[in-house]
Amino acid sequence: MKPIFVQLQCAPGRTYEVADEIYRKEIVSEMYSTSGDYDLLLKIYVEEGQDIGQFINDNIASVPGISRSLTTLTFNAF
C-alpha cells in the first residue's frame, strides 16, 4: 500500500457535506481542511500498481458537491 494525497475543491457551502460523505466511504486515512483554492486534503492508501486516477474517479470524484479534485503527490511509503 502506498499513500496518496488528494485535494478537493467543494461547491460553496458543501464542504462539510462532502467531508461527511467521503468519511462514510471508509477510504480515507486522514482528512484535513485547508485554506486557499482547495477545501479538503485527503490522505488515502492505495494498492501498489492500482490506477490512481480510476480510484479517484470511482470513489471520490463522484461525490456530489465536489467542484475539482487534484492528486497532489504520490510517494512510496518508508
N, C-alpha and C. Protein backbone atom coordinates (compact mmCIF):
# COMPACT_ATOMS: atom_id res chain seq x y z
N MET A 1 0.85 -1.18 0.00
CA MET A 1 0.00 0.00 0.00
C MET A 1 0.89 1.24 0.00
N LYS A 2 0.45 2.25 -0.72
CA LYS A 2 1.20 3.50 -0.71
C LYS A 2 0.21 4.65 -0.50
N PRO A 3 0.64 5.69 0.20
CA PRO A 3 -0.24 6.82 0.44
C PRO A 3 -0.25 7.78 -0.75
N ILE A 4 -1.40 8.36 -1.00
CA ILE A 4 -1.52 9.46 -1.96
C ILE A 4 -2.28 10.58 -1.25
N PHE A 5 -2.08 11.79 -1.73
CA PHE A 5 -2.80 12.93 -1.20
C PHE A 5 -3.67 13.51 -2.30
N VAL A 6 -4.91 13.79 -1.97
CA VAL A 6 -5.86 14.34 -2.93
C VAL A 6 -6.44 15.63 -2.34
N GLN A 7 -6.40 16.69 -3.13
CA GLN A 7 -7.01 17.96 -2.71
C GLN A 7 -8.36 18.07 -3.39
N LEU A 8 -9.34 18.59 -2.65
CA LEU A 8 -10.68 18.77 -3.20
C LEU A 8 -11.14 20.20 -3.04
N GLN A 9 -11.76 20.70 -4.08
CA GLN A 9 -12.44 21.99 -4.01
C GLN A 9 -13.93 21.67 -4.02
N CYS A 10 -14.63 22.19 -3.02
CA CYS A 10 -16.05 21.90 -2.87
C CYS A 10 -16.89 23.09 -3.34
N ALA A 11 -18.12 22.79 -3.74
CA ALA A 11 -19.06 23.85 -4.08
C ALA A 11 -19.28 24.70 -2.82
N PRO A 12 -19.57 25.98 -2.99
CA PRO A 12 -19.78 26.85 -1.82
C PRO A 12 -20.81 26.26 -0.85
N GLY A 13 -20.41 26.20 0.41
CA GLY A 13 -21.30 25.71 1.45
C GLY A 13 -21.45 24.20 1.52
N ARG A 14 -20.69 23.45 0.75
CA ARG A 14 -20.85 21.99 0.70
C ARG A 14 -19.68 21.23 1.33
N THR A 15 -18.71 21.93 1.91
CA THR A 15 -17.50 21.28 2.41
C THR A 15 -17.82 20.21 3.45
N TYR A 16 -18.64 20.52 4.44
CA TYR A 16 -18.93 19.54 5.50
C TYR A 16 -19.70 18.35 4.95
N GLU A 17 -20.61 18.60 4.04
CA GLU A 17 -21.38 17.54 3.41
C GLU A 17 -20.47 16.60 2.61
N VAL A 18 -19.54 17.17 1.85
CA VAL A 18 -18.58 16.37 1.07
C VAL A 18 -17.68 15.57 2.02
N ALA A 19 -17.17 16.22 3.04
CA ALA A 19 -16.29 15.54 4.00
C ALA A 19 -17.02 14.37 4.66
N ASP A 20 -18.26 14.56 5.05
CA ASP A 20 -19.04 13.50 5.69
C ASP A 20 -19.25 12.32 4.74
N GLU A 21 -19.58 12.60 3.49
CA GLU A 21 -19.81 11.54 2.50
C GLU A 21 -18.52 10.74 2.25
N ILE A 22 -17.39 11.42 2.13
CA ILE A 22 -16.12 10.73 1.91
C ILE A 22 -15.74 9.91 3.14
N TYR A 23 -15.96 10.47 4.32
CA TYR A 23 -15.65 9.75 5.56
C TYR A 23 -16.46 8.45 5.65
N ARG A 24 -17.71 8.49 5.24
CA ARG A 24 -18.58 7.30 5.29
C ARG A 24 -18.13 6.21 4.32
N LYS A 25 -17.39 6.56 3.29
CA LYS A 25 -16.89 5.56 2.34
C LYS A 25 -15.75 4.74 2.93
N GLU A 26 -15.19 5.19 4.05
CA GLU A 26 -14.13 4.47 4.76
C GLU A 26 -12.90 4.21 3.89
N ILE A 27 -12.52 5.20 3.09
CA ILE A 27 -11.33 5.06 2.24
C ILE A 27 -10.22 6.02 2.65
N VAL A 28 -10.52 6.93 3.57
CA VAL A 28 -9.58 7.99 3.92
C VAL A 28 -8.85 7.65 5.21
N SER A 29 -7.54 7.75 5.18
CA SER A 29 -6.72 7.55 6.37
C SER A 29 -6.74 8.81 7.24
N GLU A 30 -6.58 9.97 6.60
CA GLU A 30 -6.59 11.26 7.30
C GLU A 30 -7.27 12.28 6.40
N MET A 31 -7.93 13.27 7.03
CA MET A 31 -8.62 14.33 6.28
C MET A 31 -8.36 15.66 6.98
N TYR A 32 -7.99 16.66 6.20
CA TYR A 32 -7.68 17.99 6.75
C TYR A 32 -8.46 19.05 5.98
N SER A 33 -8.86 20.10 6.68
CA SER A 33 -9.39 21.25 5.97
C SER A 33 -8.21 22.15 5.63
N THR A 34 -8.31 22.85 4.52
CA THR A 34 -7.20 23.69 4.06
C THR A 34 -7.72 25.09 3.77
N SER A 35 -6.81 25.98 3.48
CA SER A 35 -7.20 27.32 3.05
C SER A 35 -6.70 27.52 1.62
N GLY A 36 -7.21 28.50 0.96
CA GLY A 36 -6.78 28.74 -0.42
C GLY A 36 -7.79 28.19 -1.40
N ASP A 37 -7.30 27.71 -2.54
CA ASP A 37 -8.18 27.25 -3.61
C ASP A 37 -8.90 25.95 -3.28
N TYR A 38 -8.31 25.11 -2.43
CA TYR A 38 -8.89 23.81 -2.13
C TYR A 38 -9.38 23.76 -0.68
N ASP A 39 -10.45 23.01 -0.45
CA ASP A 39 -11.09 22.97 0.86
C ASP A 39 -10.68 21.80 1.73
N LEU A 40 -10.38 20.66 1.10
CA LEU A 40 -10.04 19.45 1.85
C LEU A 40 -8.77 18.81 1.29
N LEU A 41 -8.00 18.20 2.17
CA LEU A 41 -6.84 17.40 1.79
C LEU A 41 -7.05 16.02 2.38
N LEU A 42 -7.01 15.01 1.53
CA LEU A 42 -7.24 13.64 1.94
C LEU A 42 -5.96 12.83 1.82
N LYS A 43 -5.70 11.99 2.79
CA LYS A 43 -4.61 11.02 2.70
C LYS A 43 -5.26 9.65 2.55
N ILE A 44 -4.94 8.98 1.45
CA ILE A 44 -5.57 7.72 1.11
C ILE A 44 -4.49 6.71 0.77
N TYR A 45 -4.68 5.48 1.18
CA TYR A 45 -3.74 4.41 0.82
C TYR A 45 -4.32 3.60 -0.33
N VAL A 46 -3.51 3.38 -1.34
CA VAL A 46 -3.92 2.58 -2.50
C VAL A 46 -2.94 1.42 -2.67
N GLU A 47 -3.40 0.39 -3.34
CA GLU A 47 -2.57 -0.78 -3.62
C GLU A 47 -1.48 -0.40 -4.63
N GLU A 48 -0.32 -1.02 -4.50
CA GLU A 48 0.75 -0.82 -5.48
C GLU A 48 0.22 -1.23 -6.85
N GLY A 49 0.47 -0.42 -7.85
CA GLY A 49 0.04 -0.73 -9.21
C GLY A 49 -1.39 -0.36 -9.52
N GLN A 50 -2.15 0.08 -8.52
CA GLN A 50 -3.53 0.46 -8.75
C GLN A 50 -3.58 1.76 -9.56
N ASP A 51 -4.53 1.87 -10.47
CA ASP A 51 -4.71 3.08 -11.27
C ASP A 51 -5.30 4.16 -10.36
N ILE A 52 -4.47 5.14 -10.00
CA ILE A 52 -4.88 6.17 -9.04
C ILE A 52 -6.02 7.02 -9.61
N GLY A 53 -5.93 7.39 -10.88
CA GLY A 53 -6.98 8.19 -11.50
C GLY A 53 -8.32 7.47 -11.47
N GLN A 54 -8.31 6.19 -11.75
CA GLN A 54 -9.54 5.40 -11.72
C GLN A 54 -10.10 5.30 -10.30
N PHE A 55 -9.19 5.12 -9.33
CA PHE A 55 -9.60 5.06 -7.92
C PHE A 55 -10.29 6.35 -7.50
N ILE A 56 -9.69 7.49 -7.88
CA ILE A 56 -10.27 8.78 -7.54
C ILE A 56 -11.62 8.95 -8.23
N ASN A 57 -11.71 8.60 -9.51
CA ASN A 57 -12.98 8.72 -10.22
C ASN A 57 -14.06 7.84 -9.60
N ASP A 58 -13.72 6.62 -9.23
CA ASP A 58 -14.69 5.68 -8.69
C ASP A 58 -15.13 6.02 -7.27
N ASN A 59 -14.22 6.53 -6.46
CA ASN A 59 -14.50 6.68 -5.03
C ASN A 59 -14.66 8.11 -4.52
N ILE A 60 -14.10 9.07 -5.23
CA ILE A 60 -14.10 10.44 -4.71
C ILE A 60 -14.81 11.42 -5.63
N ALA A 61 -14.43 11.45 -6.90
CA ALA A 61 -14.94 12.46 -7.82
C ALA A 61 -16.46 12.38 -8.01
N SER A 62 -17.05 11.23 -7.72
CA SER A 62 -18.49 11.07 -7.89
C SER A 62 -19.31 11.62 -6.72
N VAL A 63 -18.64 12.05 -5.66
CA VAL A 63 -19.35 12.60 -4.50
C VAL A 63 -19.97 13.94 -4.88
N PRO A 64 -21.27 14.10 -4.67
CA PRO A 64 -21.92 15.39 -5.00
C PRO A 64 -21.31 16.53 -4.19
N GLY A 65 -21.11 17.66 -4.83
CA GLY A 65 -20.60 18.84 -4.15
C GLY A 65 -19.12 19.10 -4.38
N ILE A 66 -18.43 18.20 -5.08
CA ILE A 66 -17.02 18.43 -5.39
C ILE A 66 -16.93 19.17 -6.71
N SER A 67 -16.24 20.30 -6.69
CA SER A 67 -16.05 21.09 -7.90
C SER A 67 -14.83 20.65 -8.68
N ARG A 68 -13.77 20.28 -7.95
CA ARG A 68 -12.50 19.96 -8.60
C ARG A 68 -11.67 19.10 -7.67
N SER A 69 -10.93 18.15 -8.23
CA SER A 69 -10.01 17.34 -7.42
C SER A 69 -8.65 17.33 -8.09
N LEU A 70 -7.63 17.16 -7.28
CA LEU A 70 -6.26 17.18 -7.77
C LEU A 70 -5.43 16.23 -6.91
N THR A 71 -4.76 15.28 -7.54
CA THR A 71 -3.81 14.44 -6.81
C THR A 71 -2.54 15.25 -6.67
N THR A 72 -2.17 15.56 -5.43
CA THR A 72 -1.06 16.48 -5.21
C THR A 72 0.29 15.80 -5.25
N LEU A 73 0.41 14.59 -4.73
CA LEU A 73 1.68 13.91 -4.83
C LEU A 73 1.50 12.45 -4.47
N THR A 74 2.38 11.63 -5.00
CA THR A 74 2.41 10.23 -4.63
C THR A 74 3.83 9.90 -4.25
N PHE A 75 4.00 8.97 -3.36
CA PHE A 75 5.34 8.57 -2.98
C PHE A 75 5.27 7.19 -2.36
N ASN A 76 6.40 6.54 -2.29
CA ASN A 76 6.46 5.22 -1.67
C ASN A 76 6.53 5.39 -0.16
N ALA A 77 5.79 4.57 0.52
CA ALA A 77 5.84 4.60 1.99
C ALA A 77 7.23 4.12 2.42
N PHE A 78 7.71 4.63 3.52
CA PHE A 78 9.01 4.18 4.01
C PHE A 78 8.89 3.79 5.47
